[in-house]
Amino acid sequence: MRAAVVTRFDAPPSYGYFSEPVAGEGEVVIRVLAVPLSPIVKSLAAGRHYSGAAEANFIPGIDGVGIDPDGKRVYFLFPKSPFGSMADQALVSAHSVMPVPESVGDARAAAVVTAGLSSWVALTLRAGFQRGESVLINGATGSAGSLAVQIAAWLGAGRIIATGRNQEKLDQLPAGVEKIVLDDSADEALKQIFSGRVDVVLDYLWGEPASRIIAQATANRGSRLGEPRLRYIQLGSVAGETVSLPAASLRSSGLEILGSGIGSLSVQALVAGAGELLNAIPQGRFTTPVRTCALSDVGKMWNEDTGEERLILIP
């Protein structure tokens, strides 16, 4: 079959041929229709992700939309190695597929779930989010961050604060969202935000922006009555892999730092979350900019900057 193949970790996948998968007990072969090229896929293909393979010679891709053996259109997650989703066919556990709503197109389903699943499970599972609570989204100008804004609103957030480096992109978010540009004056704006109550932070950036937010969130704390909980959910690290965190920030405040991803959540939980998100797309009207191209162009598109668009490959 035709497929993108990772032959070495220091180069984009090449388009060629790979052996066809054969389903075993509890498995199905999916005819692939649309595949997202997401940051985690690139990290896995480069051998940099903590959950990835130790050796090359595999098909990249962890999710997609396709047709199951019964002819039904489905979304699927976590194909069985070495058969990733960037191919004509993918081998998947029968428990890792779910129907796609009829009103949601292939590319939209692939783009929304791959970009929105992180915030959906972070809020519903890791944070235990309740209607009326306030959410700060650190890194809200990207595709995943802007979907996090939509999802938080759908789940009933009473207040949404968005941070990012690009004022123009922040201005494109809904009018009811409070916006903070991460420039030289951001610390004072963050201080004002945390003088009120913030219940959850979704952090797509980590690094220096996270250090600034945590510093303002925990400054002048230590009330003898106890401080309110602040569930800080770590989702991405595009701004850096480490943060500076004073010990007193944890002792004097209600700060709770949690991760959300493979390991901190089971595969079963992630699959269930994807099904919930898919079912919510029509009513929630979740959307993100999408760009499609042929899977045969994978080598050319791999390192191309697509801006805020989600790149969807079509076999």
Protein backbone atom coordinates (compact mmCIF):
# COMPACT_ATOMS: atom_id res chain seq x y z
CA MET A 1 0.00 0.00 0.00
CA ARG A 2 1.03 3.65 -0.37
CA ALA A 3 2.24 5.32 2.80
CA ALA A 4 4.48 7.91 4.40
CA VAL A 5 7.39 6.07 6.01
CA VAL A 6 9.83 7.23 8.70
CA THR A 7 13.14 5.73 7.67
CA ARG A 8 15.30 7.98 9.88
CA PHE A 9 14.57 10.33 12.76
CA ASP A 10 16.48 13.30 11.34
CA ALA A 11 14.53 13.66 8.08
CA PRO A 12 10.89 14.01 6.96
CA PRO A 13 9.04 10.81 6.08
CA SER A 14 9.28 9.60 2.51
CA TYR A 15 6.29 8.60 0.38
CA GLY A 16 6.46 5.07 -0.92
CA TYR A 17 5.19 1.56 -0.30
CA PHE A 18 4.70 -0.39 2.91
CA SER A 19 3.26 -3.83 3.60
CA GLU A 20 -0.50 -3.95 4.13
CA PRO A 21 -1.80 -4.59 7.65
CA VAL A 22 -3.68 -7.75 8.53
CA ALA A 23 -6.22 -7.59 11.35
CA GLY A 24 -5.84 -9.96 14.27
CA GLU A 25 -8.32 -10.70 17.03
CA GLY A 26 -9.90 -7.50 18.33
CA GLU A 27 -8.43 -5.41 15.49
CA VAL A 28 -9.82 -3.75 12.37
CA VAL A 29 -8.25 -2.39 9.21
CA ILE A 30 -9.44 1.12 8.39
CA ARG A 31 -9.42 2.59 4.86
CA VAL A 32 -8.01 6.05 5.57
CA LEU A 33 -9.74 9.22 4.30
CA ALA A 34 -8.07 12.07 6.21
CA VAL A 35 -5.02 12.31 8.48
CA PRO A 36 -3.92 15.26 10.66
CA LEU A 37 -0.28 16.34 10.67
CA SER A 38 -0.07 17.46 14.30
CA PRO A 39 2.85 18.52 16.52
CA ILE A 40 2.84 15.22 18.42
CA VAL A 41 3.09 13.30 15.12
CA LYS A 42 6.15 15.34 14.14
CA SER A 43 7.69 14.78 17.57
CA LEU A 44 7.12 11.03 17.37
CA ALA A 45 8.55 10.89 13.83
CA ALA A 46 11.66 12.73 15.05
CA GLY A 47 12.15 10.30 17.93
CA ARG A 48 11.66 13.10 20.48
CA HIS A 49 8.36 12.18 22.14
CA TYR A 50 8.42 10.29 25.42
CA SER A 51 5.90 7.72 24.16
CA GLY A 52 7.56 7.08 20.80
CA ALA A 53 9.37 4.20 19.10
CA ALA A 54 13.06 3.52 19.73
CA GLU A 55 13.78 2.71 16.08
CA ALA A 56 12.68 4.08 12.71
CA ASN A 57 10.93 2.23 9.84
CA PHE A 58 7.30 2.89 10.70
CA ILE A 59 4.32 4.82 9.34
CA PRO A 60 3.66 8.05 11.29
CA GLY A 61 0.24 9.28 12.37
CA ILE A 62 -1.78 8.63 15.52
CA ASP A 63 -5.33 9.36 14.36
CA GLY A 64 -7.57 10.02 11.41
CA VAL A 65 -10.91 9.56 9.70
CA GLY A 66 -11.65 6.51 7.60
CA ILE A 67 -14.04 3.73 6.60
CA ASP A 68 -14.33 0.61 8.77
CA PRO A 69 -14.91 -2.93 7.42
CA ASP A 70 -18.69 -2.42 7.68
CA GLY A 71 -18.53 0.66 5.44
CA LYS A 72 -19.12 3.15 8.28
CA ARG A 73 -17.25 6.43 8.53
CA VAL A 74 -15.26 6.50 11.76
CA TYR A 75 -12.64 8.41 13.65
CA PHE A 76 -9.78 6.26 14.91
CA LEU A 77 -6.95 6.71 17.39
CA PHE A 78 -3.61 5.03 18.13
CA PRO A 79 -3.00 2.66 15.20
CA LYS A 80 -0.92 -0.39 16.03
CA SER A 81 2.77 0.02 15.24
CA PRO A 82 4.27 0.05 12.68
CA PHE A 83 1.01 0.92 10.88
CA GLY A 84 0.34 4.60 11.59
CA SER A 85 -2.49 6.56 10.01
CA MET A 86 -0.53 8.18 7.13
CA ALA A 87 -1.26 5.42 4.68
CA ASP A 88 -4.01 3.93 2.55
CA GLN A 89 -4.89 1.66 5.48
CA ALA A 90 -4.35 1.63 9.24
CA LEU A 91 -4.49 -1.19 11.78
CA VAL A 92 -6.46 -0.21 14.88
CA SER A 93 -7.93 -1.82 17.99
CA ALA A 94 -11.67 -2.30 17.56
CA HIS A 95 -12.07 -0.32 20.81
CA SER A 96 -10.32 2.75 19.36
CA VAL A 97 -12.85 3.68 16.67
CA MET A 98 -15.99 5.79 16.95
CA PRO A 99 -18.60 7.07 14.48
CA VAL A 100 -18.28 10.53 12.94
CA PRO A 101 -21.51 12.61 12.96
CA GLU A 102 -23.02 12.80 9.48
CA SER A 103 -22.97 16.61 9.44
CA VAL A 104 -19.21 16.79 10.12
CA GLY A 105 -16.88 16.47 7.14
CA ASP A 106 -13.74 14.33 7.10
CA ALA A 107 -11.21 17.17 7.26
CA ARG A 108 -13.15 19.09 9.91
CA ALA A 109 -13.52 16.02 12.13
CA ALA A 110 -9.81 15.23 11.82
CA ALA A 111 -8.74 18.81 12.51
CA VAL A 112 -11.07 19.54 15.43
CA VAL A 113 -10.38 16.32 17.32
CA THR A 114 -6.61 16.36 16.87
CA ALA A 115 -6.46 20.03 17.98
CA GLY A 116 -9.27 20.00 20.55
CA LEU A 117 -8.89 16.68 22.36
CA SER A 118 -6.13 18.01 24.62
CA SER A 119 -8.31 20.74 26.13
CA TRP A 120 -11.43 18.56 26.20
CA VAL A 121 -9.86 15.83 28.34
CA ALA A 122 -7.80 18.33 30.36
CA LEU A 123 -10.95 20.15 31.43
CA THR A 124 -13.36 17.23 31.79
CA LEU A 125 -10.97 14.65 33.26
CA ARG A 126 -7.80 16.19 34.67
CA ALA A 127 -9.23 19.46 36.00
CA GLY A 128 -12.68 18.17 36.94
CA PHE A 129 -14.03 21.41 35.50
CA GLN A 130 -17.39 22.70 36.73
CA ARG A 131 -19.79 25.09 34.99
CA GLY A 132 -19.21 28.69 36.05
CA GLU A 133 -15.51 28.25 36.80
CA SER A 134 -12.88 30.52 35.26
CA VAL A 135 -10.20 29.36 32.83
CA LEU A 136 -6.95 30.96 31.69
CA ILE A 137 -5.58 29.55 28.42
CA ASN A 138 -1.86 30.15 28.01
CA GLY A 139 -1.09 30.03 24.30
CA ALA A 140 -4.59 30.69 22.99
CA THR A 141 -3.56 32.00 19.57
CA GLY A 142 -2.73 28.62 18.05
CA SER A 143 -5.16 26.07 16.66
CA ALA A 144 -5.31 24.03 19.88
CA GLY A 145 -5.53 27.13 22.05
CA SER A 146 -8.32 28.74 20.05
CA LEU A 147 -10.28 25.50 20.18
CA ALA A 148 -9.69 25.41 23.93
CA VAL A 149 -11.46 28.78 24.10
CA GLN A 150 -14.44 27.36 22.18
CA ILE A 151 -14.54 24.21 24.31
CA ALA A 152 -14.27 26.09 27.61
CA ALA A 153 -17.21 28.27 26.55
CA TRP A 154 -19.24 25.21 25.53
CA LEU A 155 -18.54 23.57 28.91
CA GLY A 156 -19.92 26.64 30.67
CA ALA A 157 -16.89 28.66 31.73
CA GLY A 158 -17.95 31.78 33.63
CA ARG A 159 -14.81 33.62 32.60
CA ILE A 160 -12.18 32.92 29.94
CA ILE A 161 -8.78 34.64 29.85
CA ALA A 162 -6.52 34.12 26.83
CA THR A 163 -2.79 34.82 26.67
CA GLY A 164 -0.47 34.84 23.67
CA ARG A 165 2.33 36.77 22.03
CA ASN A 166 0.37 38.01 19.00
CA GLN A 167 -2.07 40.86 19.67
CA GLU A 168 -3.69 40.56 16.24
CA LYS A 169 -4.48 36.88 16.74
CA LEU A 170 -5.75 37.48 20.26
CA ASP A 171 -8.10 40.14 18.90
CA GLN A 172 -9.67 37.51 16.63
CA LEU A 173 -10.96 35.58 19.65
CA PRO A 174 -14.58 36.20 20.77
CA ALA A 175 -15.35 39.57 22.30
CA GLY A 176 -16.22 38.13 25.70
CA VAL A 177 -12.76 36.62 26.14
CA GLU A 178 -10.29 38.65 28.22
CA LYS A 179 -6.95 38.97 26.40
CA ILE A 180 -3.40 39.46 27.66
CA VAL A 181 -0.47 39.93 25.32
CA LEU A 182 2.68 38.32 26.72
CA ASP A 183 4.81 41.43 26.33
CA ASP A 184 6.83 43.49 28.83
CA SER A 185 3.67 44.75 30.55
CA ALA A 186 2.01 41.34 30.91
CA ASP A 187 3.04 40.84 34.56
CA GLU A 188 0.84 43.70 35.75
CA ALA A 189 -2.11 42.43 33.68
CA LEU A 190 -1.62 38.92 35.07
CA LYS A 191 -1.42 40.30 38.59
CA GLN A 192 -4.82 41.93 38.09
CA ILE A 193 -6.30 38.72 36.70
CA PHE A 194 -5.12 36.65 39.66
CA SER A 195 -6.34 39.22 42.16
CA GLY A 196 -9.69 37.67 41.31
CA ARG A 197 -10.41 33.97 41.17
CA VAL A 198 -8.93 31.74 38.44
CA ASP A 199 -9.83 28.08 38.82
CA VAL A 200 -8.00 26.39 35.93
CA VAL A 201 -5.01 27.21 33.73
CA LEU A 202 -4.53 25.31 30.47
CA ASP A 203 -0.88 25.77 29.45
CA TYR A 204 0.23 25.05 25.88
CA LEU A 205 3.51 26.97 26.17
CA TRP A 206 5.39 26.15 29.40
CA GLY A 207 8.88 27.69 29.60
CA GLU A 208 9.25 31.39 30.41
CA PRO A 209 5.55 32.30 29.89
CA ALA A 210 4.53 29.64 32.41
CA SER A 211 7.07 30.92 34.95
CA ARG A 212 5.57 34.41 34.63
CA ILE A 213 2.02 33.18 35.07
CA ILE A 214 2.86 30.99 38.07
CA ALA A 215 4.77 33.86 39.69
CA GLN A 216 1.76 36.17 39.47
CA ALA A 217 -0.73 33.43 40.40
CA THR A 218 1.14 32.65 43.63
CA ALA A 219 2.39 36.10 44.65
CA ASN A 220 1.35 37.44 48.07
CA ARG A 221 -0.39 34.23 49.05
CA GLY A 222 -0.27 32.34 52.34
CA SER A 223 -3.63 33.20 53.88
CA ARG A 224 -4.20 31.62 57.30
CA LEU A 225 -7.68 30.72 56.05
CA GLY A 226 -6.20 28.74 53.16
CA GLU A 227 -5.92 29.67 49.51
CA PRO A 228 -8.35 28.58 46.74
CA ARG A 229 -7.33 25.74 44.46
CA LEU A 230 -5.70 26.58 41.15
CA ARG A 231 -5.48 23.55 38.85
CA TYR A 232 -2.62 24.23 36.44
CA ILE A 233 -2.81 21.73 33.56
CA GLN A 234 0.38 21.33 31.51
CA LEU A 235 -0.40 20.44 27.87
CA GLY A 236 2.48 21.59 25.64
CA SER A 237 6.00 22.96 25.76
CA VAL A 238 6.56 25.02 22.62
CA ALA A 239 8.16 27.84 24.70
CA GLY A 240 10.52 25.57 26.66
CA GLU A 241 10.80 22.23 28.44
CA THR A 242 11.52 23.63 31.93
CA VAL A 243 10.27 26.36 34.26
CA SER A 244 11.68 28.19 37.27
CA LEU A 245 9.44 27.40 40.24
CA PRO A 246 10.17 28.71 43.75
CA ALA A 247 9.30 26.20 46.47
CA ALA A 248 7.24 28.78 48.32
CA SER A 249 4.92 29.08 45.31
CA LEU A 250 3.60 25.61 46.07
CA ARG A 251 3.59 25.88 49.88
CA SER A 252 1.86 29.25 50.09
CA SER A 253 -0.88 28.81 47.50
CA GLY A 254 -3.52 26.45 46.19
CA LEU A 255 -1.46 25.73 43.07
CA GLU A 256 -1.75 22.16 41.79
CA ILE A 257 0.34 21.31 38.72
CA LEU A 258 -0.99 18.41 36.64
CA GLY A 259 -0.05 17.02 33.26
CA SER A 260 -2.53 15.81 30.68
CA GLY A 261 -1.50 13.35 27.99
CA ILE A 262 -0.61 9.76 27.26
CA GLY A 263 0.35 8.25 30.61
CA SER A 264 -1.40 10.73 32.88
CA LEU A 265 -4.52 9.57 31.01
CA SER A 266 -5.13 6.06 29.74
CA VAL A 267 -5.65 5.30 26.08
CA GLN A 268 -9.19 4.24 26.97
CA ALA A 269 -9.87 7.65 28.54
CA LEU A 270 -8.47 9.49 25.51
CA VAL A 271 -10.60 7.41 23.13
CA ALA A 272 -13.71 8.08 25.22
CA GLY A 273 -12.89 11.79 25.24
CA ALA A 274 -12.52 11.82 21.46
CA GLY A 275 -15.96 10.26 21.12
CA GLU A 276 -17.47 12.90 23.40
CA LEU A 277 -15.79 15.71 21.48
CA LEU A 278 -16.93 14.35 18.13
CA ASN A 279 -20.52 14.17 19.32
CA ALA A 280 -20.34 17.76 20.58
CA ILE A 281 -18.99 19.25 17.31
CA PRO A 282 -22.39 19.87 15.63
CA GLN A 283 -24.00 21.64 18.60
CA GLY A 284 -20.81 23.31 19.81
CA ARG A 285 -19.98 24.40 16.25
CA PHE A 286 -16.32 23.81 16.97
CA THR A 287 -14.10 24.73 14.08
CA THR A 288 -10.51 25.54 13.22
CA PRO A 289 -8.83 26.64 9.98
CA VAL A 290 -8.03 23.64 7.79
CA ARG A 291 -5.72 23.12 4.85
CA THR A 292 -5.72 19.86 2.90
CA CYS A 293 -3.10 18.33 0.63
CA ALA A 294 -2.28 14.95 -0.87
CA LEU A 295 -0.45 12.44 1.31
CA SER A 296 2.04 12.08 -1.55
CA ASP A 297 3.22 15.62 -0.73
CA VAL A 298 4.07 14.70 2.86
CA GLY A 299 7.81 15.26 2.44
CA LYS A 300 7.29 18.72 0.98
CA MET A 301 4.68 19.76 3.55
CA TRP A 302 6.29 18.24 6.65
CA ASN A 303 8.26 21.30 7.74
CA GLU A 304 6.15 23.97 6.06
CA ASP A 305 4.73 26.69 8.30
CA THR A 306 0.96 26.50 7.82
CA GLY A 307 0.25 29.27 10.34
CA GLU A 308 -2.84 28.57 12.41
CA GLU A 309 -4.24 26.11 9.88
CA ARG A 310 -4.41 22.41 10.67
CA LEU A 311 -2.84 20.45 7.84
CA ILE A 312 -4.89 17.41 6.82
CA LEU A 313 -3.33 14.84 4.47
CA ILE A 314 -5.56 12.95 2.04
CA PRO A 315 -4.33 9.49 0.90
